[in-house]
């Protein structure tokens, strides 16, 4: 379902935001 996809997508998205914020 969509919820399962979101659970997988969110961590990588947060990691992308964090790395973008640090850089």
C-alpha atoms as a PDB file:
ATOM      1  CA  UNK A   1       0.000   0.000   0.000  1.00  0.00           C
ATOM      2  CA  UNK A   2       0.947   3.662  -0.148  1.00  0.00           C
ATOM      3  CA  UNK A   3       1.715   3.797   3.588  1.00  0.00           C
ATOM      4  CA  UNK A   4       4.425   1.155   3.207  1.00  0.00           C
ATOM      5  CA  UNK A   5       5.996   3.072   0.342  1.00  0.00           C
ATOM      6  CA  UNK A   6       5.970   6.281   2.378  1.00  0.00           C
ATOM      7  CA  UNK A   7       7.671   4.540   5.310  1.00  0.00           C
ATOM      8  CA  UNK A   8      10.488   3.600   2.969  1.00  0.00           C
ATOM      9  CA  UNK A   9      10.631   6.952   1.192  1.00  0.00           C
ATOM     10  CA  UNK A  10      10.597   9.300   4.183  1.00  0.00           C
ATOM     11  CA  UNK A  11      13.940   8.246   5.793  1.00  0.00           C
ATOM     12  CA  UNK A  12      15.856   8.785   2.532  1.00  0.00           C
ATOM     13  CA  UNK A  13      14.057  12.111   2.040  1.00  0.00           C
ATOM     14  CA  UNK A  14      14.992  13.240   5.555  1.00  0.00           C
ATOM     15  CA  UNK A  15      18.579  12.136   4.941  1.00  0.00           C
ATOM     16  CA  UNK A  16      18.585  14.209   1.748  1.00  0.00           C
ATOM     17  CA  UNK A  17      17.316  17.269   3.631  1.00  0.00           C
ATOM     18  CA  UNK A  18      19.872  16.811   6.419  1.00  0.00           C
ATOM     19  CA  UNK A  19      22.800  16.388   4.027  1.00  0.00           C
ATOM     20  CA  UNK A  20      21.601  19.423   2.045  1.00  0.00           C
ATOM     21  CA  UNK A  21      21.343  21.437   5.252  1.00  0.00           C
ATOM     22  CA  UNK A  22      24.854  20.452   6.390  1.00  0.00           C
ATOM     23  CA  UNK A  23      26.358  21.244   3.008  1.00  0.00           C
END
